[in-house]
């Protein structure tokens, strides 16, 4: 483990962001339309948390790379 940062994969960020937005939208639609209890809300909340963390990590990596 060296102290060198990994190179940014800028081409993979936008497709992953679109996947995150699509998945959260689908979970919210399912939560609003299906009477299956809180499971869809929980999945939407978890996916949103992971997506926000991923976006924050990407933002921090980009600002470290290009101040």
PDB file of N, CA and C in Angstrom:
ATOM      1  N   UNK A   1       0.832  -1.166   0.000  1.00  0.00           N
ATOM      2  CA  UNK A   1       0.000   0.000   0.000  1.00  0.00           C
ATOM      3  C   UNK A   1       0.884   1.239   0.000  1.00  0.00           C
ATOM      4  N   UNK A   2       0.895   1.893  -1.104  1.00  0.00           N
ATOM      5  CA  UNK A   2       1.669   3.117  -1.216  1.00  0.00           C
ATOM      6  C   UNK A   2       0.757   4.314  -1.042  1.00  0.00           C
ATOM      7  N   UNK A   3       1.354   5.474  -0.959  1.00  0.00           N
ATOM      8  CA  UNK A   3       0.577   6.689  -0.756  1.00  0.00           C
ATOM      9  C   UNK A   3       0.098   7.327  -2.037  1.00  0.00           C
ATOM     10  N   UNK A   4       0.263   6.656  -3.160  1.00  0.00           N
ATOM     11  CA  UNK A   4      -0.162   7.257  -4.425  1.00  0.00           C
ATOM     12  C   UNK A   4      -1.643   7.020  -4.645  1.00  0.00           C
ATOM     13  N   UNK A   5      -2.363   8.065  -5.038  1.00  0.00           N
ATOM     14  CA  UNK A   5      -3.804   7.889  -5.275  1.00  0.00           C
ATOM     15  C   UNK A   5      -4.061   7.138  -6.577  1.00  0.00           C
ATOM     16  N   UNK A   6      -5.191   6.475  -6.611  1.00  0.00           N
ATOM     17  CA  UNK A   6      -5.590   5.784  -7.836  1.00  0.00           C
ATOM     18  C   UNK A   6      -6.002   6.809  -8.879  1.00  0.00           C
ATOM     19  N   UNK A   7      -5.778   6.514 -10.139  1.00  0.00           N
ATOM     20  CA  UNK A   7      -6.234   7.454 -11.171  1.00  0.00           C
ATOM     21  C   UNK A   7      -7.758   7.486 -11.236  1.00  0.00           C
ATOM     22  N   UNK A   8      -8.292   8.649 -11.550  1.00  0.00           N
ATOM     23  CA  UNK A   8      -9.748   8.802 -11.639  1.00  0.00           C
ATOM     24  C   UNK A   8     -10.278   8.116 -12.886  1.00  0.00           C
ATOM     25  N   UNK A   9     -11.417   7.479 -12.733  1.00  0.00           N
ATOM     26  CA  UNK A   9     -12.116   6.883 -13.878  1.00  0.00           C
ATOM     27  C   UNK A   9     -13.286   7.783 -14.211  1.00  0.00           C
ATOM     28  N   UNK A  10     -13.012   8.878 -14.879  1.00  0.00           N
ATOM     29  CA  UNK A  10     -14.050   9.879 -15.119  1.00  0.00           C
ATOM     30  C   UNK A  10     -15.136   9.369 -16.050  1.00  0.00           C
ATOM     31  N   UNK A  11     -14.820   8.448 -16.944  1.00  0.00           N
ATOM     32  CA  UNK A  11     -15.818   7.949 -17.872  1.00  0.00           C
ATOM     33  C   UNK A  11     -16.868   7.073 -17.218  1.00  0.00           C
ATOM     34  N   UNK A  12     -16.594   6.538 -16.009  1.00  0.00           N
ATOM     35  CA  UNK A  12     -17.543   5.657 -15.345  1.00  0.00           C
ATOM     36  C   UNK A  12     -18.442   6.379 -14.356  1.00  0.00           C
ATOM     37  N   UNK A  13     -18.193   7.645 -14.100  1.00  0.00           N
ATOM     38  CA  UNK A  13     -18.959   8.347 -13.083  1.00  0.00           C
ATOM     39  C   UNK A  13     -20.390   8.626 -13.516  1.00  0.00           C
ATOM     40  N   UNK A  14     -20.597   9.142 -14.709  1.00  0.00           N
ATOM     41  CA  UNK A  14     -21.938   9.531 -15.140  1.00  0.00           C
ATOM     42  C   UNK A  14     -22.868   8.348 -15.345  1.00  0.00           C
ATOM     43  N   UNK A  15     -22.426   7.232 -15.936  1.00  0.00           N
ATOM     44  CA  UNK A  15     -23.349   6.085 -16.024  1.00  0.00           C
ATOM     45  C   UNK A  15     -23.760   5.554 -14.648  1.00  0.00           C
ATOM     46  N   UNK A  16     -22.840   5.565 -13.698  1.00  0.00           N
ATOM     47  CA  UNK A  16     -23.174   5.104 -12.349  1.00  0.00           C
ATOM     48  C   UNK A  16     -24.138   6.073 -11.683  1.00  0.00           C
ATOM     49  N   UNK A  17     -23.931   7.362 -11.891  1.00  0.00           N
ATOM     50  CA  UNK A  17     -24.860   8.351 -11.339  1.00  0.00           C
ATOM     51  C   UNK A  17     -26.262   8.172 -11.916  1.00  0.00           C
ATOM     52  N   UNK A  18     -26.346   7.935 -13.207  1.00  0.00           N
ATOM     53  CA  UNK A  18     -27.654   7.721 -13.833  1.00  0.00           C
ATOM     54  C   UNK A  18     -28.311   6.435 -13.305  1.00  0.00           C
ATOM     55  N   UNK A  19     -27.513   5.392 -13.083  1.00  0.00           N
ATOM     56  CA  UNK A  19     -28.043   4.159 -12.488  1.00  0.00           C
ATOM     57  C   UNK A  19     -28.593   4.440 -11.094  1.00  0.00           C
ATOM     58  N   UNK A  20     -27.855   5.204 -10.301  1.00  0.00           N
ATOM     59  CA  UNK A  20     -28.311   5.532  -8.951  1.00  0.00           C
ATOM     60  C   UNK A  20     -29.628   6.306  -8.976  1.00  0.00           C
ATOM     61  N   UNK A  21     -29.701   7.302  -9.830  1.00  0.00           N
ATOM     62  CA  UNK A  21     -30.925   8.106  -9.919  1.00  0.00           C
ATOM     63  C   UNK A  21     -32.094   7.249 -10.384  1.00  0.00           C
ATOM     64  N   UNK A  22     -31.857   6.390 -11.364  1.00  0.00           N
ATOM     65  CA  UNK A  22     -32.922   5.517 -11.875  1.00  0.00           C
ATOM     66  C   UNK A  22     -33.391   4.533 -10.812  1.00  0.00           C
ATOM     67  N   UNK A  23     -32.452   3.932 -10.104  1.00  0.00           N
ATOM     68  CA  UNK A  23     -32.820   2.943  -9.086  1.00  0.00           C
ATOM     69  C   UNK A  23     -33.616   3.580  -7.956  1.00  0.00           C
ATOM     70  N   UNK A  24     -33.186   4.729  -7.483  1.00  0.00           N
ATOM     71  CA  UNK A  24     -33.923   5.395  -6.410  1.00  0.00           C
ATOM     72  C   UNK A  24     -35.316   5.789  -6.885  1.00  0.00           C
ATOM     73  N   UNK A  25     -35.431   6.251  -8.120  1.00  0.00           N
ATOM     74  CA  UNK A  25     -36.744   6.606  -8.671  1.00  0.00           C
ATOM     75  C   UNK A  25     -37.654   5.391  -8.730  1.00  0.00           C
ATOM     76  N   UNK A  26     -37.135   4.259  -9.196  1.00  0.00           N
ATOM     77  CA  UNK A  26     -37.941   3.036  -9.267  1.00  0.00           C
ATOM     78  C   UNK A  26     -38.378   2.598  -7.870  1.00  0.00           C
ATOM     79  N   UNK A  27     -37.469   2.628  -6.902  1.00  0.00           N
ATOM     80  CA  UNK A  27     -37.838   2.239  -5.539  1.00  0.00           C
ATOM     81  C   UNK A  27     -38.893   3.171  -4.952  1.00  0.00           C
ATOM     82  N   UNK A  28     -38.786   4.469  -5.229  1.00  0.00           N
ATOM     83  CA  UNK A  28     -39.796   5.393  -4.716  1.00  0.00           C
ATOM     84  C   UNK A  28     -41.150   5.173  -5.375  1.00  0.00           C
ATOM     85  N   UNK A  29     -41.156   4.907  -6.669  1.00  0.00           N
ATOM     86  CA  UNK A  29     -42.422   4.622  -7.359  1.00  0.00           C
ATOM     87  C   UNK A  29     -43.043   3.349  -6.794  1.00  0.00           C
ATOM     88  N   UNK A  30     -42.228   2.316  -6.590  1.00  0.00           N
ATOM     89  CA  UNK A  30     -42.747   1.075  -6.006  1.00  0.00           C
ATOM     90  C   UNK A  30     -43.263   1.301  -4.590  1.00  0.00           C
ATOM     91  N   UNK A  31     -42.563   2.121  -3.824  1.00  0.00           N
ATOM     92  CA  UNK A  31     -43.000   2.393  -2.451  1.00  0.00           C
ATOM     93  C   UNK A  31     -44.332   3.136  -2.433  1.00  0.00           C
ATOM     94  N   UNK A  32     -44.549   3.995  -3.419  1.00  0.00           N
ATOM     95  CA  UNK A  32     -45.801   4.751  -3.453  1.00  0.00           C
ATOM     96  C   UNK A  32     -46.969   3.942  -4.013  1.00  0.00           C
ATOM     97  N   UNK A  33     -46.685   2.934  -4.851  1.00  0.00           N
ATOM     98  CA  UNK A  33     -47.779   2.217  -5.507  1.00  0.00           C
ATOM     99  C   UNK A  33     -48.092   0.861  -4.898  1.00  0.00           C
ATOM    100  N   UNK A  34     -47.119   0.194  -4.316  1.00  0.00           N
ATOM    101  CA  UNK A  34     -47.358  -1.146  -3.771  1.00  0.00           C
ATOM    102  C   UNK A  34     -47.545  -1.106  -2.264  1.00  0.00           C
ATOM    103  N   UNK A  35     -48.520  -1.850  -1.770  1.00  0.00           N
ATOM    104  CA  UNK A  35     -48.724  -1.892  -0.323  1.00  0.00           C
ATOM    105  C   UNK A  35     -47.883  -2.990   0.326  1.00  0.00           C
ATOM    106  N   UNK A  36     -46.582  -2.997   0.066  1.00  0.00           N
ATOM    107  CA  UNK A  36     -45.715  -4.072   0.558  1.00  0.00           C
ATOM    108  C   UNK A  36     -44.971  -3.673   1.824  1.00  0.00           C
ATOM    109  N   UNK A  37     -45.495  -2.735   2.545  1.00  0.00           N
ATOM    110  CA  UNK A  37     -44.830  -2.327   3.775  1.00  0.00           C
ATOM    111  C   UNK A  37     -43.685  -1.367   3.510  1.00  0.00           C
ATOM    112  N   UNK A  38     -42.835  -1.216   4.487  1.00  0.00           N
ATOM    113  CA  UNK A  38     -41.765  -0.208   4.367  1.00  0.00           C
ATOM    114  C   UNK A  38     -40.539  -0.680   3.599  1.00  0.00           C
ATOM    115  N   UNK A  39     -40.598  -1.851   3.000  1.00  0.00           N
ATOM    116  CA  UNK A  39     -39.382  -2.397   2.376  1.00  0.00           C
ATOM    117  C   UNK A  39     -38.870  -1.563   1.221  1.00  0.00           C
ATOM    118  N   UNK A  40     -39.762  -1.044   0.384  1.00  0.00           N
ATOM    119  CA  UNK A  40     -39.303  -0.225  -0.738  1.00  0.00           C
ATOM    120  C   UNK A  40     -38.725   1.094  -0.250  1.00  0.00           C
ATOM    121  N   UNK A  41     -39.295   1.648   0.811  1.00  0.00           N
ATOM    122  CA  UNK A  41     -38.753   2.877   1.381  1.00  0.00           C
ATOM    123  C   UNK A  41     -37.354   2.638   1.939  1.00  0.00           C
ATOM    124  N   UNK A  42     -37.181   1.490   2.599  1.00  0.00           N
ATOM    125  CA  UNK A  42     -35.872   1.158   3.160  1.00  0.00           C
ATOM    126  C   UNK A  42     -34.841   0.987   2.052  1.00  0.00           C
ATOM    127  N   UNK A  43     -35.209   0.283   0.982  1.00  0.00           N
ATOM    128  CA  UNK A  43     -34.291   0.114  -0.146  1.00  0.00           C
ATOM    129  C   UNK A  43     -33.954   1.455  -0.789  1.00  0.00           C
ATOM    130  N   UNK A  44     -34.942   2.313  -0.948  1.00  0.00           N
ATOM    131  CA  UNK A  44     -34.689   3.639  -1.529  1.00  0.00           C
ATOM    132  C   UNK A  44     -33.761   4.449  -0.635  1.00  0.00           C
ATOM    133  N   UNK A  45     -33.967   4.392   0.665  1.00  0.00           N
ATOM    134  CA  UNK A  45     -33.117   5.143   1.593  1.00  0.00           C
ATOM    135  C   UNK A  45     -31.683   4.611   1.587  1.00  0.00           C
ATOM    136  N   UNK A  46     -31.537   3.289   1.590  1.00  0.00           N
ATOM    137  CA  UNK A  46     -30.195   2.708   1.566  1.00  0.00           C
ATOM    138  C   UNK A  46     -29.460   3.043   0.273  1.00  0.00           C
ATOM    139  N   UNK A  47     -30.153   2.900  -0.854  1.00  0.00           N
ATOM    140  CA  UNK A  47     -29.511   3.186  -2.135  1.00  0.00           C
ATOM    141  C   UNK A  47     -29.139   4.673  -2.233  1.00  0.00           C
ATOM    142  N   UNK A  48     -30.002   5.536  -1.705  1.00  0.00           N
ATOM    143  CA  UNK A  48     -29.714   6.965  -1.704  1.00  0.00           C
ATOM    144  C   UNK A  48     -28.475   7.263  -0.864  1.00  0.00           C
ATOM    145  N   UNK A  49     -28.359   6.624   0.281  1.00  0.00           N
ATOM    146  CA  UNK A  49     -27.189   6.834   1.134  1.00  0.00           C
ATOM    147  C   UNK A  49     -25.909   6.394   0.439  1.00  0.00           C
ATOM    148  N   UNK A  50     -25.949   5.245  -0.209  1.00  0.00           N
ATOM    149  CA  UNK A  50     -24.773   4.755  -0.928  1.00  0.00           C
ATOM    150  C   UNK A  50     -24.434   5.681  -2.097  1.00  0.00           C
ATOM    151  N   UNK A  51     -25.444   6.127  -2.818  1.00  0.00           N
ATOM    152  CA  UNK A  51     -25.214   7.021  -3.959  1.00  0.00           C
ATOM    153  C   UNK A  51     -24.624   8.351  -3.498  1.00  0.00           C
ATOM    154  N   UNK A  52     -25.114   8.893  -2.397  1.00  0.00           N
ATOM    155  CA  UNK A  52     -24.566  10.149  -1.882  1.00  0.00           C
ATOM    156  C   UNK A  52     -23.117   9.975  -1.441  1.00  0.00           C
ATOM    157  N   UNK A  53     -22.831   8.857  -0.798  1.00  0.00           N
ATOM    158  CA  UNK A  53     -21.451   8.588  -0.380  1.00  0.00           C
ATOM    159  C   UNK A  53     -20.527   8.442  -1.590  1.00  0.00           C
ATOM    160  N   UNK A  54     -21.004   7.745  -2.605  1.00  0.00           N
ATOM    161  CA  UNK A  54     -20.214   7.562  -3.825  1.00  0.00           C
ATOM    162  C   UNK A  54     -19.962   8.909  -4.511  1.00  0.00           C
ATOM    163  N   UNK A  55     -20.977   9.751  -4.594  1.00  0.00           N
ATOM    164  CA  UNK A  55     -20.821  11.069  -5.213  1.00  0.00           C
ATOM    165  C   UNK A  55     -19.882  11.954  -4.399  1.00  0.00           C
ATOM    166  N   UNK A  56     -19.970  11.887  -3.078  1.00  0.00           N
ATOM    167  CA  UNK A  56     -19.076  12.675  -2.231  1.00  0.00           C
ATOM    168  C   UNK A  56     -17.631  12.225  -2.401  1.00  0.00           C
ATOM    169  N   UNK A  57     -17.402  10.928  -2.439  1.00  0.00           N
ATOM    170  CA  UNK A  57     -16.045  10.412  -2.657  1.00  0.00           C
ATOM    171  C   UNK A  57     -15.510  10.855  -4.010  1.00  0.00           C
ATOM    172  N   UNK A  58     -16.343  10.807  -5.031  1.00  0.00           N
ATOM    173  CA  UNK A  58     -15.917  11.225  -6.366  1.00  0.00           C
ATOM    174  C   UNK A  58     -15.598  12.717  -6.380  1.00  0.00           C
ATOM    175  N   UNK A  59     -16.425  13.508  -5.728  1.00  0.00           N
ATOM    176  CA  UNK A  59     -16.188  14.953  -5.671  1.00  0.00           C
ATOM    177  C   UNK A  59     -14.880  15.263  -4.940  1.00  0.00           C
ATOM    178  N   UNK A  60     -14.644  14.594  -3.819  1.00  0.00           N
ATOM    179  CA  UNK A  60     -13.415  14.822  -3.069  1.00  0.00           C
ATOM    180  C   UNK A  60     -12.195  14.392  -3.867  1.00  0.00           C
ATOM    181  N   UNK A  61     -12.303  13.300  -4.592  1.00  0.00           N
ATOM    182  CA  UNK A  61     -11.183  12.846  -5.411  1.00  0.00           C
ATOM    183  C   UNK A  61     -10.899  13.842  -6.521  1.00  0.00           C
ATOM    184  N   UNK A  62     -11.935  14.405  -7.114  1.00  0.00           N
ATOM    185  CA  UNK A  62     -11.738  15.380  -8.197  1.00  0.00           C
ATOM    186  C   UNK A  62     -11.152  16.679  -7.678  1.00  0.00           C
ATOM    187  N   UNK A  63     -11.557  17.123  -6.495  1.00  0.00           N
ATOM    188  CA  UNK A  63     -11.017  18.382  -5.966  1.00  0.00           C
ATOM    189  C   UNK A  63      -9.598  18.195  -5.463  1.00  0.00           C
ATOM    190  N   UNK A  64      -9.241  17.015  -5.004  1.00  0.00           N
ATOM    191  CA  UNK A  64      -7.846  16.754  -4.627  1.00  0.00           C
ATOM    192  C   UNK A  64      -6.954  16.737  -5.861  1.00  0.00           C
ATOM    193  N   UNK A  65      -7.493  16.182  -6.941  1.00  0.00           N
ATOM    194  CA  UNK A  65      -6.729  16.060  -8.176  1.00  0.00           C
ATOM    195  C   UNK A  65      -6.553  17.409  -8.871  1.00  0.00           C
ATOM    196  N   UNK A  66      -7.610  18.232  -8.866  1.00  0.00           N
ATOM    197  CA  UNK A  66      -7.598  19.530  -9.557  1.00  0.00           C
ATOM    198  C   UNK A  66      -8.097  20.607  -8.612  1.00  0.00           C
ATOM    199  N   UNK A  67      -7.218  21.167  -7.770  1.00  0.00           N
ATOM    200  CA  UNK A  67      -7.682  22.181  -6.801  1.00  0.00           C
ATOM    201  C   UNK A  67      -8.086  23.491  -7.436  1.00  0.00           C
TER     202      UNK A  67
END
